[in-house]
Amino acid sequence: MAAIDKAEWQAWMRSLGLQVRRVREFVGLSQEQVARTAGVSQGAVSRLEAGRGLGTPLLVILKVRLALTQALSALDPNLREDGLGRTLGFDSLVFRPGTPMTIDSAPITTDPDLEEMINLYRELPERRRQTLVAVVRAAAKSLSDAVPEQTRQKA
């Protein structure tokens, strides 16, 4: 069996951590909520997301994956990408000598615009989120009100 290069392992753990954070933020959970659901400490989730958990037990990784998979499963099936395992990067848990250990940033949802909207919302400070929601709500209403007018004009 080939030895795993330390730098390669660190890069893989950072990739895994970034993907775990991306999924956690997409489903709208805090580190504490994921930790509680997974039965691990918030510090373990933080270390995993930061890629600092080079010695993170596989059990912690699997528990966090299960908690996030359950949260993703609760999404509307029409919006959710079918490959949940791929989304969390666990199809690459097997190390193949000579093959870089990377995590693809697989889509979380079938709608990239929805993922972008959610990411924009999550990046805002909490006090600004309601403003974004109000703007989007007004824009959606305006656009939906305009559809019948455009349909009438074509007829």
C-alpha atoms as a PDB file:
ATOM      1  CA  MET A   1       0.000   0.000   0.000  1.00  0.00           C
ATOM      2  CA  ALA A   2       1.340   3.415  -0.966  1.00  0.00           C
ATOM      3  CA  ALA A   3       1.981   5.982   1.721  1.00  0.00           C
ATOM      4  CA  ILE A   4      -0.133   9.113   1.624  1.00  0.00           C
ATOM      5  CA  ASP A   5       1.904  12.253   1.091  1.00  0.00           C
ATOM      6  CA  LYS A   6       1.362  14.668   4.005  1.00  0.00           C
ATOM      7  CA  ALA A   7       0.933  17.709   1.725  1.00  0.00           C
ATOM      8  CA  GLU A   8      -1.567  15.798  -0.395  1.00  0.00           C
ATOM      9  CA  TRP A   9      -3.502  14.787   2.736  1.00  0.00           C
ATOM     10  CA  GLN A  10      -3.553  18.397   3.981  1.00  0.00           C
ATOM     11  CA  ALA A  11      -4.847  19.644   0.619  1.00  0.00           C
ATOM     12  CA  TRP A  12      -7.555  16.973   0.631  1.00  0.00           C
ATOM     13  CA  MET A  13      -8.634  17.832   4.173  1.00  0.00           C
ATOM     14  CA  ARG A  14      -8.812  21.546   3.269  1.00  0.00           C
ATOM     15  CA  SER A  15     -10.940  20.694   0.222  1.00  0.00           C
ATOM     16  CA  LEU A  16     -13.196  18.496   2.332  1.00  0.00           C
ATOM     17  CA  GLY A  17     -13.511  21.213   4.978  1.00  0.00           C
ATOM     18  CA  LEU A  18     -14.432  23.867   2.412  1.00  0.00           C
ATOM     19  CA  GLN A  19     -17.096  21.610   0.924  1.00  0.00           C
ATOM     20  CA  VAL A  20     -18.514  20.746   4.366  1.00  0.00           C
ATOM     21  CA  ARG A  21     -18.743  24.468   5.174  1.00  0.00           C
ATOM     22  CA  ARG A  22     -20.331  25.224   1.794  1.00  0.00           C
ATOM     23  CA  VAL A  23     -23.034  22.596   2.348  1.00  0.00           C
ATOM     24  CA  ARG A  24     -23.600  23.643   5.975  1.00  0.00           C
ATOM     25  CA  GLU A  25     -24.079  27.273   4.976  1.00  0.00           C
ATOM     26  CA  PHE A  26     -26.295  26.299   2.033  1.00  0.00           C
ATOM     27  CA  VAL A  27     -28.700  24.402   4.273  1.00  0.00           C
ATOM     28  CA  GLY A  28     -28.600  27.245   6.794  1.00  0.00           C
ATOM     29  CA  LEU A  29     -27.133  25.495   9.813  1.00  0.00           C
ATOM     30  CA  SER A  30     -24.620  26.872  12.285  1.00  0.00           C
ATOM     31  CA  GLN A  31     -21.583  24.860  13.309  1.00  0.00           C
ATOM     32  CA  GLU A  32     -23.245  24.367  16.688  1.00  0.00           C
ATOM     33  CA  GLN A  33     -26.406  22.958  15.068  1.00  0.00           C
ATOM     34  CA  VAL A  34     -24.405  20.520  12.940  1.00  0.00           C
ATOM     35  CA  ALA A  35     -22.343  19.509  15.975  1.00  0.00           C
ATOM     36  CA  ARG A  36     -25.453  18.899  18.076  1.00  0.00           C
ATOM     37  CA  THR A  37     -27.129  16.845  15.325  1.00  0.00           C
ATOM     38  CA  ALA A  38     -23.934  14.886  14.667  1.00  0.00           C
ATOM     39  CA  GLY A  39     -23.154  14.328  18.337  1.00  0.00           C
ATOM     40  CA  VAL A  40     -19.727  15.953  18.123  1.00  0.00           C
ATOM     41  CA  SER A  41     -18.279  19.176  19.498  1.00  0.00           C
ATOM     42  CA  GLN A  42     -18.590  22.517  17.732  1.00  0.00           C
ATOM     43  CA  GLY A  43     -14.786  22.675  17.842  1.00  0.00           C
ATOM     44  CA  ALA A  44     -14.572  19.419  15.877  1.00  0.00           C
ATOM     45  CA  VAL A  45     -16.830  20.893  13.171  1.00  0.00           C
ATOM     46  CA  SER A  46     -14.766  24.087  13.137  1.00  0.00           C
ATOM     47  CA  ARG A  47     -11.474  22.183  12.814  1.00  0.00           C
ATOM     48  CA  LEU A  48     -12.920  20.014  10.044  1.00  0.00           C
ATOM     49  CA  GLU A  49     -14.177  23.026   8.076  1.00  0.00           C
ATOM     50  CA  ALA A  50     -10.873  24.854   8.482  1.00  0.00           C
ATOM     51  CA  GLY A  51      -8.917  21.814   7.288  1.00  0.00           C
ATOM     52  CA  ARG A  52      -7.018  21.806  10.572  1.00  0.00           C
ATOM     53  CA  GLY A  53      -8.345  18.433  11.617  1.00  0.00           C
ATOM     54  CA  LEU A  54      -5.617  16.374   9.981  1.00  0.00           C
ATOM     55  CA  GLY A  55      -6.062  13.794  12.705  1.00  0.00           C
ATOM     56  CA  THR A  56      -9.854  14.075  12.740  1.00  0.00           C
ATOM     57  CA  PRO A  57     -11.272  10.632  13.434  1.00  0.00           C
ATOM     58  CA  LEU A  58     -13.194   9.147  10.539  1.00  0.00           C
ATOM     59  CA  LEU A  59     -16.150   8.725  12.896  1.00  0.00           C
ATOM     60  CA  VAL A  60     -16.402  12.535  13.326  1.00  0.00           C
ATOM     61  CA  ILE A  61     -16.264  13.043   9.559  1.00  0.00           C
ATOM     62  CA  LEU A  62     -18.966  10.427   8.997  1.00  0.00           C
ATOM     63  CA  LYS A  63     -21.204  11.857  11.737  1.00  0.00           C
ATOM     64  CA  VAL A  64     -20.931  15.363  10.245  1.00  0.00           C
ATOM     65  CA  ARG A  65     -21.613  13.943   6.787  1.00  0.00           C
ATOM     66  CA  LEU A  66     -24.740  12.183   8.068  1.00  0.00           C
ATOM     67  CA  ALA A  67     -26.028  15.373   9.717  1.00  0.00           C
ATOM     68  CA  LEU A  68     -25.493  17.369   6.520  1.00  0.00           C
ATOM     69  CA  THR A  69     -26.930  14.636   4.297  1.00  0.00           C
ATOM     70  CA  GLN A  70     -30.096  14.654   6.433  1.00  0.00           C
ATOM     71  CA  ALA A  71     -30.334  18.440   6.078  1.00  0.00           C
ATOM     72  CA  LEU A  72     -29.837  18.202   2.304  1.00  0.00           C
ATOM     73  CA  SER A  73     -32.426  15.432   2.090  1.00  0.00           C
ATOM     74  CA  ALA A  74     -34.982  17.791   3.629  1.00  0.00           C
ATOM     75  CA  LEU A  75     -34.636  20.155   0.653  1.00  0.00           C
ATOM     76  CA  ASP A  76     -37.245  20.108  -2.090  1.00  0.00           C
ATOM     77  CA  PRO A  77     -36.242  17.146  -4.315  1.00  0.00           C
ATOM     78  CA  ASN A  78     -36.759  19.311  -7.415  1.00  0.00           C
ATOM     79  CA  LEU A  79     -34.033  21.677  -6.223  1.00  0.00           C
ATOM     80  CA  ARG A  80     -31.604  19.161  -4.786  1.00  0.00           C
ATOM     81  CA  GLU A  81     -28.759  17.674  -6.804  1.00  0.00           C
ATOM     82  CA  ASP A  82     -29.156  13.900  -6.876  1.00  0.00           C
ATOM     83  CA  GLY A  83     -25.560  13.014  -5.982  1.00  0.00           C
ATOM     84  CA  LEU A  84     -25.593  13.878  -2.261  1.00  0.00           C
ATOM     85  CA  GLY A  85     -22.479  11.789  -1.606  1.00  0.00           C
ATOM     86  CA  ARG A  86     -20.679  13.595  -4.408  1.00  0.00           C
ATOM     87  CA  THR A  87     -21.891  16.929  -3.077  1.00  0.00           C
ATOM     88  CA  LEU A  88     -20.179  16.231   0.228  1.00  0.00           C
ATOM     89  CA  GLY A  89     -17.068  14.921  -1.488  1.00  0.00           C
ATOM     90  CA  PHE A  90     -17.221  11.447  -0.016  1.00  0.00           C
ATOM     91  CA  ASP A  91     -16.914   9.631  -3.321  1.00  0.00           C
ATOM     92  CA  SER A  92     -13.222  10.563  -3.054  1.00  0.00           C
ATOM     93  CA  LEU A  93     -12.633   9.043   0.368  1.00  0.00           C
ATOM     94  CA  VAL A  94     -10.723   6.189  -1.248  1.00  0.00           C
ATOM     95  CA  PHE A  95      -7.109   7.057  -1.877  1.00  0.00           C
ATOM     96  CA  ARG A  96      -5.696   5.830  -5.164  1.00  0.00           C
ATOM     97  CA  PRO A  97      -1.892   6.073  -5.407  1.00  0.00           C
ATOM     98  CA  GLY A  98      -0.845   8.598  -8.021  1.00  0.00           C
ATOM     99  CA  THR A  99      -4.300  10.192  -8.083  1.00  0.00           C
ATOM    100  CA  PRO A 100      -4.649  13.578  -6.375  1.00  0.00           C
ATOM    101  CA  MET A 101      -7.011  13.548  -3.421  1.00  0.00           C
ATOM    102  CA  THR A 102      -9.327  16.398  -4.308  1.00  0.00           C
ATOM    103  CA  ILE A 103     -12.915  17.261  -3.583  1.00  0.00           C
ATOM    104  CA  ASP A 104     -14.933  18.535  -6.507  1.00  0.00           C
ATOM    105  CA  SER A 105     -17.235  21.427  -5.774  1.00  0.00           C
ATOM    106  CA  ALA A 106     -20.215  19.441  -6.910  1.00  0.00           C
ATOM    107  CA  PRO A 107     -23.479  21.330  -7.162  1.00  0.00           C
ATOM    108  CA  ILE A 108     -25.742  21.259  -4.135  1.00  0.00           C
ATOM    109  CA  THR A 109     -28.837  22.195  -6.077  1.00  0.00           C
ATOM    110  CA  THR A 110     -29.973  21.746  -9.659  1.00  0.00           C
ATOM    111  CA  ASP A 111     -30.456  25.509  -9.872  1.00  0.00           C
ATOM    112  CA  PRO A 112     -27.151  27.440  -9.729  1.00  0.00           C
ATOM    113  CA  ASP A 113     -29.019  30.760  -9.436  1.00  0.00           C
ATOM    114  CA  LEU A 114     -30.740  29.527  -6.274  1.00  0.00           C
ATOM    115  CA  GLU A 115     -27.393  28.470  -4.818  1.00  0.00           C
ATOM    116  CA  GLU A 116     -25.980  31.911  -5.627  1.00  0.00           C
ATOM    117  CA  MET A 117     -28.950  33.648  -3.968  1.00  0.00           C
ATOM    118  CA  ILE A 118     -28.530  31.568  -0.838  1.00  0.00           C
ATOM    119  CA  ASN A 119     -24.798  32.256  -0.749  1.00  0.00           C
ATOM    120  CA  LEU A 120     -25.402  36.003  -1.137  1.00  0.00           C
ATOM    121  CA  TYR A 121     -27.900  35.865   1.728  1.00  0.00           C
ATOM    122  CA  ARG A 122     -25.477  33.938   3.964  1.00  0.00           C
ATOM    123  CA  GLU A 123     -22.619  36.386   3.260  1.00  0.00           C
ATOM    124  CA  LEU A 124     -24.623  39.331   4.560  1.00  0.00           C
ATOM    125  CA  PRO A 125     -24.604  40.333   8.224  1.00  0.00           C
ATOM    126  CA  GLU A 126     -27.810  39.139   9.881  1.00  0.00           C
ATOM    127  CA  ARG A 127     -29.147  42.692  10.268  1.00  0.00           C
ATOM    128  CA  ARG A 128     -28.949  43.166   6.454  1.00  0.00           C
ATOM    129  CA  ARG A 129     -30.553  39.875   5.437  1.00  0.00           C
ATOM    130  CA  GLN A 130     -34.116  41.124   5.862  1.00  0.00           C
ATOM    131  CA  THR A 131     -33.358  43.997   3.484  1.00  0.00           C
ATOM    132  CA  LEU A 132     -32.219  41.536   0.820  1.00  0.00           C
ATOM    133  CA  VAL A 133     -35.327  39.420   1.353  1.00  0.00           C
ATOM    134  CA  ALA A 134     -37.555  42.515   1.006  1.00  0.00           C
ATOM    135  CA  VAL A 135     -35.800  43.559  -2.212  1.00  0.00           C
ATOM    136  CA  VAL A 136     -36.062  40.065  -3.703  1.00  0.00           C
ATOM    137  CA  ARG A 137     -39.709  39.795  -2.643  1.00  0.00           C
ATOM    138  CA  ALA A 138     -40.515  43.155  -4.309  1.00  0.00           C
ATOM    139  CA  ALA A 139     -38.601  42.198  -7.458  1.00  0.00           C
ATOM    140  CA  ALA A 140     -40.350  38.806  -7.635  1.00  0.00           C
ATOM    141  CA  LYS A 141     -43.765  40.457  -7.232  1.00  0.00           C
ATOM    142  CA  SER A 142     -42.946  43.018  -9.896  1.00  0.00           C
ATOM    143  CA  LEU A 143     -41.762  40.329 -12.282  1.00  0.00           C
ATOM    144  CA  SER A 144     -44.751  38.069 -11.665  1.00  0.00           C
ATOM    145  CA  ASP A 145     -47.135  41.024 -12.154  1.00  0.00           C
ATOM    146  CA  ALA A 146     -45.391  41.809 -15.472  1.00  0.00           C
ATOM    147  CA  VAL A 147     -45.849  38.288 -16.899  1.00  0.00           C
ATOM    148  CA  PRO A 148     -49.609  38.573 -17.608  1.00  0.00           C
ATOM    149  CA  GLU A 149     -49.048  41.973 -19.280  1.00  0.00           C
ATOM    150  CA  GLN A 150     -46.404  40.532 -21.594  1.00  0.00           C
ATOM    151  CA  THR A 151     -48.646  37.563 -22.369  1.00  0.00           C
ATOM    152  CA  ARG A 152     -51.532  39.914 -23.249  1.00  0.00           C
ATOM    153  CA  GLN A 153     -49.318  42.017 -25.502  1.00  0.00           C
ATOM    154  CA  LYS A 154     -48.273  38.927 -27.508  1.00  0.00           C
ATOM    155  CA  ALA A 155     -51.898  37.852 -28.035  1.00  0.00           C
END
